């Protein structure tokens, strides 16, 4: 099955057709900068441009940087507040002229890693952390997704973790890799004490420079590994979510991912 996957980000929206049997992209990724306003209608127009670029007709999966329920955006930490209460599936589908399934972007990346990447066949509790503009998280237990975890916003010493340990925080504060690495380590230790994962997968843009900070990550009991799909994870996972949705009798349910 071929499904168009779209990764909706704060700085760019990128997409590609995905072979859902193999997880392979069937064409080079096409990226358009996210409109500066970050508002629903301008972003929907970008979705339409991506669809037009691929001359796409068929289902679309989109990973979106917010928690959602039945396609409705619940919060807006890294997008415009106008999204809150907006049905992202409806507005994207109207612009694209195709059915669209929208899930949290970290959940999308997690789906890809659990099906095709570092989490494949891994039992127990798996935590995926995407490190970029924010801190995205996805949690799986025995291969089943627990949707919409927003553990990037837990408080550490009274402050939002994302404001201290995201890659954007590192750049904003001009922090050394050592100082930032220790902050990120504190975040991971806090997460470990909350959910006790068996495996932690690190994804997002910062992981491309893992050699600069991984040696500052210590005192962890969980195994920690880098994501395998990297920049393709959001696109692939979004496409997989749309495929999983197609076989569910109740489209309001979030798809569960079985790990064989």
Protein backbone atom coordinates (compact mmCIF):
# COMPACT_ATOMS: atom_id res chain seq x y z
CA UNK A 1 0.00 0.00 0.00
CA UNK A 2 1.20 3.52 -0.79
CA UNK A 3 0.26 6.42 1.47
CA UNK A 4 1.46 10.00 1.47
CA UNK A 5 3.15 10.83 4.77
CA UNK A 6 3.55 14.44 5.87
CA UNK A 7 5.64 15.67 8.80
CA UNK A 8 4.26 19.02 9.99
CA UNK A 9 6.98 20.94 11.82
CA UNK A 10 7.45 24.39 13.26
CA UNK A 11 10.02 25.34 10.63
CA UNK A 12 9.06 23.13 7.71
CA UNK A 13 6.38 20.80 6.34
CA UNK A 14 7.76 17.86 4.41
CA UNK A 15 6.23 14.86 2.79
CA UNK A 16 6.77 11.82 0.57
CA UNK A 17 4.84 8.75 -0.59
CA UNK A 18 5.61 5.74 1.61
CA UNK A 19 5.53 2.02 0.90
CA UNK A 20 3.76 0.86 4.07
CA UNK A 21 5.02 -2.71 3.65
CA UNK A 22 8.70 -1.74 3.81
CA UNK A 23 8.73 1.80 5.26
CA UNK A 24 10.67 3.05 2.23
CA UNK A 25 10.09 6.49 0.75
CA UNK A 26 8.98 6.16 -2.85
CA UNK A 27 10.19 9.61 -3.88
CA UNK A 28 12.55 12.25 -2.47
CA UNK A 29 11.10 14.27 0.41
CA UNK A 30 9.49 17.54 -0.62
CA UNK A 31 9.82 20.34 1.92
CA UNK A 32 8.14 23.74 2.15
CA UNK A 33 8.87 26.21 4.96
CA UNK A 34 6.07 26.44 7.50
CA UNK A 35 4.23 29.78 7.11
CA UNK A 36 5.52 32.32 9.62
CA UNK A 37 2.08 32.89 11.07
CA UNK A 38 1.71 29.18 11.86
CA UNK A 39 -2.06 29.58 11.55
CA UNK A 40 -4.40 26.84 10.30
CA UNK A 41 -5.38 28.16 6.87
CA UNK A 42 -1.84 29.05 5.66
CA UNK A 43 -0.56 25.68 6.85
CA UNK A 44 -3.44 23.91 5.11
CA UNK A 45 -2.43 25.64 1.88
CA UNK A 46 1.08 24.21 2.26
CA UNK A 47 -0.44 20.76 2.69
CA UNK A 48 -2.25 21.33 -0.62
CA UNK A 49 1.06 22.29 -2.27
CA UNK A 50 2.69 19.06 -1.10
CA UNK A 51 -0.26 17.06 -2.46
CA UNK A 52 -0.05 18.91 -5.76
CA UNK A 53 3.71 18.33 -6.00
CA UNK A 54 3.22 14.56 -5.86
CA UNK A 55 -0.01 14.67 -7.91
CA UNK A 56 -1.41 12.66 -5.03
CA UNK A 57 -4.82 11.03 -4.87
CA UNK A 58 -5.44 8.80 -1.90
CA UNK A 59 -5.06 8.64 1.89
CA UNK A 60 -2.66 10.94 3.72
CA UNK A 61 -1.13 10.60 7.16
CA UNK A 62 0.19 13.68 8.94
CA UNK A 63 2.27 14.03 12.09
CA UNK A 64 1.38 17.22 13.93
CA UNK A 65 3.23 19.00 16.79
CA UNK A 66 0.41 18.86 19.35
CA UNK A 67 -1.83 16.40 21.19
CA UNK A 68 -5.07 15.59 19.35
CA UNK A 69 -8.37 13.86 20.03
CA UNK A 70 -10.44 12.71 17.06
CA UNK A 71 -8.36 15.04 14.90
CA UNK A 72 -9.01 18.10 17.09
CA UNK A 73 -5.96 19.96 18.39
CA UNK A 74 -5.95 20.12 22.18
CA UNK A 75 -2.95 22.34 22.97
CA UNK A 76 -0.47 24.60 21.21
CA UNK A 77 2.97 24.79 22.78
CA UNK A 78 4.90 25.19 19.51
CA UNK A 79 2.19 26.27 17.05
CA UNK A 80 -0.22 29.19 16.80
CA UNK A 81 -2.94 29.29 19.45
CA UNK A 82 -5.59 29.44 16.70
CA UNK A 83 -5.07 25.72 16.25
CA UNK A 84 -6.58 24.92 19.65
CA UNK A 85 -10.03 23.45 19.09
CA UNK A 86 -9.47 23.21 15.32
CA UNK A 87 -10.10 19.88 13.60
CA UNK A 88 -6.77 19.42 11.83
CA UNK A 89 -8.00 16.42 9.88
CA UNK A 90 -10.91 18.36 8.42
CA UNK A 91 -8.95 21.48 7.48
CA UNK A 92 -6.11 19.48 5.88
CA UNK A 93 -8.54 17.16 4.06
CA UNK A 94 -10.48 20.12 2.69
CA UNK A 95 -7.28 21.69 1.33
CA UNK A 96 -5.82 18.43 0.03
CA UNK A 97 -8.99 16.96 -1.46
CA UNK A 98 -8.03 13.64 0.13
CA UNK A 99 -8.82 11.87 3.42
CA UNK A 100 -6.27 12.78 6.09
CA UNK A 101 -5.38 11.11 9.38
CA UNK A 102 -3.53 13.38 11.83
CA UNK A 103 -1.65 12.16 14.89
CA UNK A 104 0.89 13.66 17.26
CA UNK A 105 4.26 14.03 15.53
CA UNK A 106 6.26 12.22 18.22
CA UNK A 107 3.73 9.39 18.11
CA UNK A 108 4.27 9.22 14.35
CA UNK A 109 8.04 9.01 14.75
CA UNK A 110 7.53 6.38 17.43
CA UNK A 111 5.34 4.25 15.16
CA UNK A 112 8.05 4.25 12.51
CA UNK A 113 10.76 3.25 14.97
CA UNK A 114 8.63 0.48 16.51
CA UNK A 115 7.65 -1.01 13.15
CA UNK A 116 10.82 -0.56 11.10
CA UNK A 117 13.54 0.87 13.35
CA UNK A 118 15.29 0.65 16.70
CA UNK A 119 12.19 -0.54 18.58
CA UNK A 120 11.25 -3.38 16.24
CA UNK A 121 10.41 -6.59 18.13
CA UNK A 122 11.27 -4.95 21.46
CA UNK A 123 8.99 -6.01 24.35
CA UNK A 124 8.21 -4.09 27.52
CA UNK A 125 8.07 -0.32 27.83
CA UNK A 126 9.77 1.74 25.14
CA UNK A 127 10.17 5.52 25.39
CA UNK A 128 10.97 7.54 22.26
CA UNK A 129 12.25 11.09 22.81
CA UNK A 130 12.56 13.43 19.84
CA UNK A 131 14.96 16.31 20.49
CA UNK A 132 14.48 19.39 18.36
CA UNK A 133 12.54 22.64 18.70
CA UNK A 134 10.80 20.91 21.59
CA UNK A 135 10.97 17.58 23.38
CA UNK A 136 8.53 15.11 21.88
CA UNK A 137 7.76 11.78 23.51
CA UNK A 138 6.04 8.55 22.53
CA UNK A 139 5.46 5.59 24.84
CA UNK A 140 4.80 1.99 23.83
CA UNK A 141 4.04 -0.93 26.11
CA UNK A 142 4.46 -4.36 24.56
CA UNK A 143 4.11 -2.79 21.15
CA UNK A 144 0.98 -0.73 21.87
CA UNK A 145 1.05 3.05 21.59
CA UNK A 146 -0.06 5.20 24.52
CA UNK A 147 -1.06 8.30 22.50
CA UNK A 148 -0.46 11.98 23.18
CA UNK A 149 2.12 11.78 25.95
CA UNK A 150 3.45 15.29 26.51
CA UNK A 151 6.37 14.43 28.77
CA UNK A 152 8.47 17.16 27.22
CA UNK A 153 6.49 19.51 29.47
CA UNK A 154 7.11 17.86 32.81
CA UNK A 155 8.55 20.25 35.37
CA UNK A 156 12.12 19.86 36.55
CA UNK A 157 13.06 22.18 39.41
CA UNK A 158 9.89 24.13 38.72
CA UNK A 159 10.57 24.74 35.03
CA UNK A 160 9.20 23.19 31.86
CA UNK A 161 11.70 20.53 30.73
CA UNK A 162 11.41 21.61 27.11
CA UNK A 163 12.64 25.09 28.01
CA UNK A 164 15.76 23.59 29.52
CA UNK A 165 16.65 20.47 27.58
CA UNK A 166 15.43 20.84 23.98
CA UNK A 167 17.88 21.54 21.17
CA UNK A 168 16.24 24.95 20.77
CA UNK A 169 17.08 25.67 24.43
CA UNK A 170 20.71 24.73 23.78
CA UNK A 171 20.91 27.11 20.85
CA UNK A 172 18.96 29.86 22.55
CA UNK A 173 21.20 29.77 25.62
CA UNK A 174 24.38 29.22 23.57
CA UNK A 175 25.09 26.26 25.86
CA UNK A 176 28.13 24.05 25.51
CA UNK A 177 27.41 20.43 24.63
CA UNK A 178 28.63 19.47 28.11
CA UNK A 179 26.25 21.82 29.92
CA UNK A 180 23.33 20.92 27.69
CA UNK A 181 24.17 17.22 27.85
CA UNK A 182 23.97 17.28 31.64
CA UNK A 183 20.61 19.04 31.47
CA UNK A 184 19.34 16.44 29.02
CA UNK A 185 20.69 13.68 31.24
CA UNK A 186 18.71 15.10 34.17
CA UNK A 187 15.59 15.04 31.99
CA UNK A 188 16.14 11.40 31.00
CA UNK A 189 16.78 10.39 34.61
CA UNK A 190 13.53 12.07 35.63
CA UNK A 191 11.64 10.23 32.89
CA UNK A 192 13.21 6.94 33.91
CA UNK A 193 12.00 7.38 37.48
CA UNK A 194 8.49 8.15 36.24
CA UNK A 195 7.86 5.25 33.84
CA UNK A 196 10.89 2.89 34.13
CA UNK A 197 11.29 2.11 30.42
CA UNK A 198 13.21 -0.93 29.20
CA UNK A 199 14.47 0.97 26.17
CA UNK A 200 14.89 4.66 25.33
CA UNK A 201 15.19 5.67 21.67
CA UNK A 202 16.54 9.14 20.94
CA UNK A 203 15.39 10.83 17.75
CA UNK A 204 15.09 14.32 16.31
CA UNK A 205 17.63 16.65 14.75
CA UNK A 206 19.99 16.76 17.72
CA UNK A 207 20.70 13.04 17.49
CA UNK A 208 22.75 13.62 14.35
CA UNK A 209 25.32 15.10 16.74
CA UNK A 210 25.00 12.38 19.38
CA UNK A 211 28.78 12.02 19.57
CA UNK A 212 28.91 15.48 21.14
CA UNK A 213 26.66 14.73 24.11
CA UNK A 214 26.08 10.99 24.62
CA UNK A 215 29.13 10.67 26.90
CA UNK A 216 27.37 13.05 29.33
CA UNK A 217 24.42 10.67 29.60
CA UNK A 218 25.03 8.39 32.58
CA UNK A 219 23.46 6.71 35.62
CA UNK A 220 20.71 5.32 33.42
CA UNK A 221 19.29 1.82 33.90
CA UNK A 222 17.46 1.68 30.58
CA UNK A 223 19.25 0.85 27.37
CA UNK A 224 19.61 4.00 25.22
CA UNK A 225 19.94 3.81 21.44
CA UNK A 226 19.71 6.32 18.58
CA UNK A 227 16.72 6.26 16.26
CA UNK A 228 17.34 4.53 12.95
CA UNK A 229 14.94 6.34 10.64
CA UNK A 230 16.02 9.84 11.75
CA UNK A 231 14.53 12.53 9.44
CA UNK A 232 12.27 10.02 7.69
CA UNK A 233 10.60 8.75 10.88
CA UNK A 234 7.84 11.38 11.03
CA UNK A 235 6.84 10.85 7.40
CA UNK A 236 6.92 7.06 7.61
CA UNK A 237 5.05 6.92 10.92
CA UNK A 238 2.37 9.31 9.73
CA UNK A 239 1.77 7.11 6.69
CA UNK A 240 1.60 4.02 8.90
CA UNK A 241 -0.99 5.67 11.14
CA UNK A 242 -3.19 6.30 8.12
CA UNK A 243 -2.89 2.66 7.07
CA UNK A 244 -3.68 1.39 10.54
CA UNK A 245 -6.73 3.67 10.70
CA UNK A 246 -8.12 2.12 7.53
CA UNK A 247 -8.57 -1.28 9.20
CA UNK A 248 -10.20 -0.05 12.40
CA UNK A 249 -14.00 -0.25 12.71
CA UNK A 250 -14.03 2.85 14.93
CA UNK A 251 -11.94 5.65 13.46
CA UNK A 252 -11.92 7.49 16.79
CA UNK A 253 -9.56 4.87 18.19
CA UNK A 254 -5.81 5.45 18.08
CA UNK A 255 -4.16 2.54 16.26
CA UNK A 256 -2.36 -0.05 18.39
CA UNK A 257 0.89 -1.34 16.92
CA UNK A 258 1.63 -5.00 17.45
CA UNK A 259 5.29 -5.92 17.74
CA UNK A 260 5.66 -9.39 16.29
